[in-house]
Amino acid sequence: MDYNFLKWFNSFAGQWEWLDILGLICAEYLIFAIPLIIILVYFFSKNKKKILSIILKIILALALVYALNYLIGLIFTRPRPFVNNNEIYQLAKLFTKPTDFSFPSYHTATAFVFAFMVLLDWKKFGIILLITALIIGFARIFAGVHYPTDILGGIFTALVSIVLINFILKYFKYGNT
């Protein structure tokens, strides 16, 4: 099922130039828009303290999610879909090396750390970031650089990181009473 969904979704790549460009932008570059938007919101916000708190929690969660993804990647050395499957069209040839492992998706984990952390403190903006993170995840499948389970793995590690960071911060803030 994992491969079948990838093959079906990726079959649209290489068909229309405009869709390939959009897919490549979403798969490779959209992730950079998220922190830039958060920083812009910070500078134009009246509640800088709240946003600064969110940014600091995001930084901590990103450090944890990268560590988790790295450790998981050492255990599950899954090659990228285009490496073993000739029928998978690799849209992002310039940015994804065949030697990089696929599981879990770092791009997706990163995008969902931003989305989940903002969602906890700022619902409307968090929902927009959640939709953006989903677009990034689907675009990574479309581009042929991830299986659907790689995306789910990235979402899971992001969620674990958010929960752990929030638990640790509450523990240190309120003690263990």
Protein backbone atom coordinates (compact mmCIF):
# COMPACT_ATOMS: atom_id res chain seq x y z
CA MET A 1 0.00 0.00 0.00
CA ASP A 2 2.87 2.36 0.85
CA TYR A 3 4.50 1.81 -2.53
CA ASN A 4 1.19 1.80 -4.42
CA PHE A 5 0.19 5.22 -3.08
CA LEU A 6 3.67 6.59 -3.82
CA LYS A 7 3.58 5.20 -7.35
CA TRP A 8 0.10 6.62 -8.02
CA PHE A 9 0.82 10.06 -6.53
CA ASN A 10 4.25 10.27 -8.16
CA SER A 11 2.77 9.32 -11.55
CA PHE A 12 1.60 12.92 -11.93
CA ALA A 13 5.22 14.15 -11.78
CA GLY A 14 6.80 14.75 -15.16
CA GLN A 15 3.42 15.20 -16.88
CA TRP A 16 2.97 18.97 -16.70
CA GLU A 17 5.74 21.50 -16.27
CA TRP A 18 3.67 23.85 -14.10
CA LEU A 19 2.82 21.00 -11.70
CA ASP A 20 6.47 19.92 -11.50
CA ILE A 21 7.52 23.49 -10.69
CA LEU A 22 4.83 23.80 -8.03
CA GLY A 23 5.72 20.37 -6.61
CA LEU A 24 9.40 21.22 -6.49
CA ILE A 25 8.74 24.56 -4.79
CA CYS A 26 6.54 22.87 -2.18
CA ALA A 27 8.88 19.90 -1.67
CA GLU A 28 12.11 21.83 -1.39
CA TYR A 29 11.48 25.51 -0.63
CA LEU A 30 8.14 25.95 1.14
CA ILE A 31 9.73 24.78 4.39
CA PHE A 32 11.87 27.95 4.44
CA ALA A 33 8.77 30.15 4.33
CA ILE A 34 7.50 28.86 7.68
CA PRO A 35 10.22 30.30 9.95
CA LEU A 36 10.35 33.48 7.88
CA ILE A 37 6.62 34.01 8.39
CA ILE A 38 6.94 33.33 12.12
CA ILE A 39 9.76 35.87 12.38
CA LEU A 40 7.77 38.45 10.41
CA VAL A 41 4.77 37.87 12.66
CA TYR A 42 7.05 38.39 15.66
CA PHE A 43 8.21 41.79 14.43
CA PHE A 44 4.67 42.97 13.69
CA SER A 45 3.04 41.45 16.75
CA LYS A 46 1.94 43.23 19.89
CA ASN A 47 2.55 40.07 21.91
CA LYS A 48 6.27 39.55 21.30
CA LYS A 49 6.77 37.65 24.55
CA LYS A 50 4.30 34.92 23.53
CA ILE A 51 5.83 34.55 20.07
CA LEU A 52 9.37 34.53 21.47
CA SER A 53 8.32 31.73 23.81
CA ILE A 54 6.96 29.77 20.84
CA ILE A 55 10.18 30.35 18.88
CA LEU A 56 12.35 29.12 21.75
CA LYS A 57 10.22 25.99 22.16
CA ILE A 58 10.45 25.38 18.41
CA ILE A 59 14.25 25.59 18.55
CA LEU A 60 14.37 23.03 21.37
CA ALA A 61 11.90 20.73 19.60
CA LEU A 62 13.85 20.98 16.33
CA ALA A 63 17.04 19.92 18.10
CA LEU A 64 15.22 16.94 19.58
CA VAL A 65 13.47 15.95 16.34
CA TYR A 66 16.76 16.04 14.43
CA ALA A 67 18.37 13.82 17.07
CA LEU A 68 15.42 11.40 16.99
CA ASN A 69 15.38 11.27 13.20
CA TYR A 70 19.12 10.67 13.11
CA LEU A 71 18.88 7.78 15.59
CA ILE A 72 15.91 6.25 13.80
CA GLY A 73 17.75 6.63 10.49
CA LEU A 74 20.65 4.59 11.89
CA ILE A 75 18.26 1.74 12.67
CA PHE A 76 15.99 1.93 9.62
CA THR A 77 18.27 2.53 6.65
CA ARG A 78 15.58 2.76 4.02
CA PRO A 79 16.75 3.95 0.60
CA ARG A 80 14.85 6.71 -1.15
CA PRO A 81 12.05 5.50 -3.45
CA PHE A 82 13.81 6.46 -6.67
CA VAL A 83 16.92 4.42 -5.78
CA ASN A 84 15.38 0.92 -6.10
CA ASN A 85 12.33 1.72 -8.22
CA ASN A 86 12.94 2.82 -11.80
CA GLU A 87 9.29 3.77 -12.30
CA ILE A 88 9.50 6.47 -9.62
CA TYR A 89 10.11 9.87 -11.18
CA GLN A 90 12.64 11.84 -9.12
CA LEU A 91 11.58 15.45 -9.40
CA ALA A 92 14.07 16.90 -6.90
CA LYS A 93 17.28 15.64 -8.54
CA LEU A 94 19.41 18.60 -7.53
CA PHE A 95 18.73 18.48 -3.81
CA THR A 96 18.27 14.83 -2.85
CA LYS A 97 21.22 12.47 -2.96
CA PRO A 98 20.65 8.75 -3.52
CA THR A 99 22.87 8.06 -0.50
CA ASP A 100 20.54 9.91 1.89
CA PHE A 101 18.10 7.67 3.69
CA SER A 102 14.38 8.13 3.37
CA PHE A 103 12.93 7.27 6.79
CA PRO A 104 11.82 9.39 8.58
CA SER A 105 11.37 12.57 6.57
CA TYR A 106 13.40 15.45 8.02
CA HIS A 107 11.50 18.02 5.95
CA THR A 108 8.16 16.78 7.20
CA ALA A 109 9.33 16.50 10.80
CA THR A 110 10.67 20.05 10.69
CA ALA A 111 7.49 21.47 9.15
CA PHE A 112 5.30 19.68 11.69
CA VAL A 113 7.42 20.84 14.65
CA PHE A 114 6.67 24.41 13.57
CA ALA A 115 3.00 23.65 12.97
CA PHE A 116 2.33 21.67 16.16
CA MET A 117 4.19 24.09 18.43
CA VAL A 118 2.40 27.12 17.03
CA LEU A 119 -0.93 25.27 17.09
CA LEU A 120 -0.62 24.74 20.84
CA ASP A 121 -0.43 28.48 21.56
CA TRP A 122 -2.01 30.11 18.52
CA LYS A 123 -4.78 28.03 16.94
CA LYS A 124 -5.59 30.00 13.76
CA PHE A 125 -1.97 30.48 12.70
CA GLY A 126 -1.20 26.90 13.75
CA ILE A 127 -3.90 25.52 11.45
CA ILE A 128 -2.41 27.47 8.53
CA LEU A 129 1.02 26.02 9.35
CA LEU A 130 -0.48 22.54 9.72
CA ILE A 131 -1.94 22.77 6.21
CA THR A 132 1.43 24.04 4.96
CA ALA A 133 3.21 21.11 6.64
CA LEU A 134 0.79 18.66 5.01
CA ILE A 135 1.45 20.23 1.61
CA ILE A 136 5.19 19.80 2.19
CA GLY A 137 4.70 16.14 3.13
CA PHE A 138 2.57 15.37 0.08
CA ALA A 139 4.99 17.29 -2.15
CA ARG A 140 7.86 15.11 -0.91
CA ILE A 141 5.90 12.03 -2.03
CA PHE A 142 5.00 13.71 -5.34
CA ALA A 143 8.69 14.50 -5.92
CA GLY A 144 9.57 10.83 -5.46
CA VAL A 145 11.93 11.35 -2.54
CA HIS A 146 9.77 9.83 0.22
CA TYR A 147 7.33 7.00 0.81
CA PRO A 148 4.08 7.86 2.63
CA THR A 149 5.35 6.06 5.75
CA ASP A 150 8.43 8.32 5.73
CA ILE A 151 6.06 11.27 5.98
CA LEU A 152 4.08 9.60 8.77
CA GLY A 153 7.37 8.86 10.55
CA GLY A 154 8.33 12.54 10.33
CA ILE A 155 4.94 13.58 11.71
CA PHE A 156 5.32 11.08 14.56
CA THR A 157 8.83 12.22 15.53
CA ALA A 158 7.64 15.84 15.43
CA LEU A 159 4.73 15.00 17.72
CA VAL A 160 6.99 13.10 20.14
CA SER A 161 9.44 16.02 20.21
CA ILE A 162 6.68 18.55 20.90
CA VAL A 163 5.22 16.44 23.71
CA LEU A 164 8.62 15.83 25.32
CA ILE A 165 9.76 19.46 25.10
CA ASN A 166 6.48 20.73 26.55
CA PHE A 167 6.63 18.12 29.33
CA ILE A 168 10.24 19.00 30.19
CA LEU A 169 9.53 22.74 30.20
CA LYS A 170 6.48 22.30 32.44
CA TYR A 171 8.46 20.02 34.73
CA PHE A 172 11.22 22.63 35.16
CA LYS A 173 8.72 25.49 35.45
CA TYR A 174 6.46 23.87 38.03
CA GLY A 175 8.74 21.24 39.51
CA ASN A 176 7.80 17.62 39.93
CA THR A 177 5.03 18.21 42.48
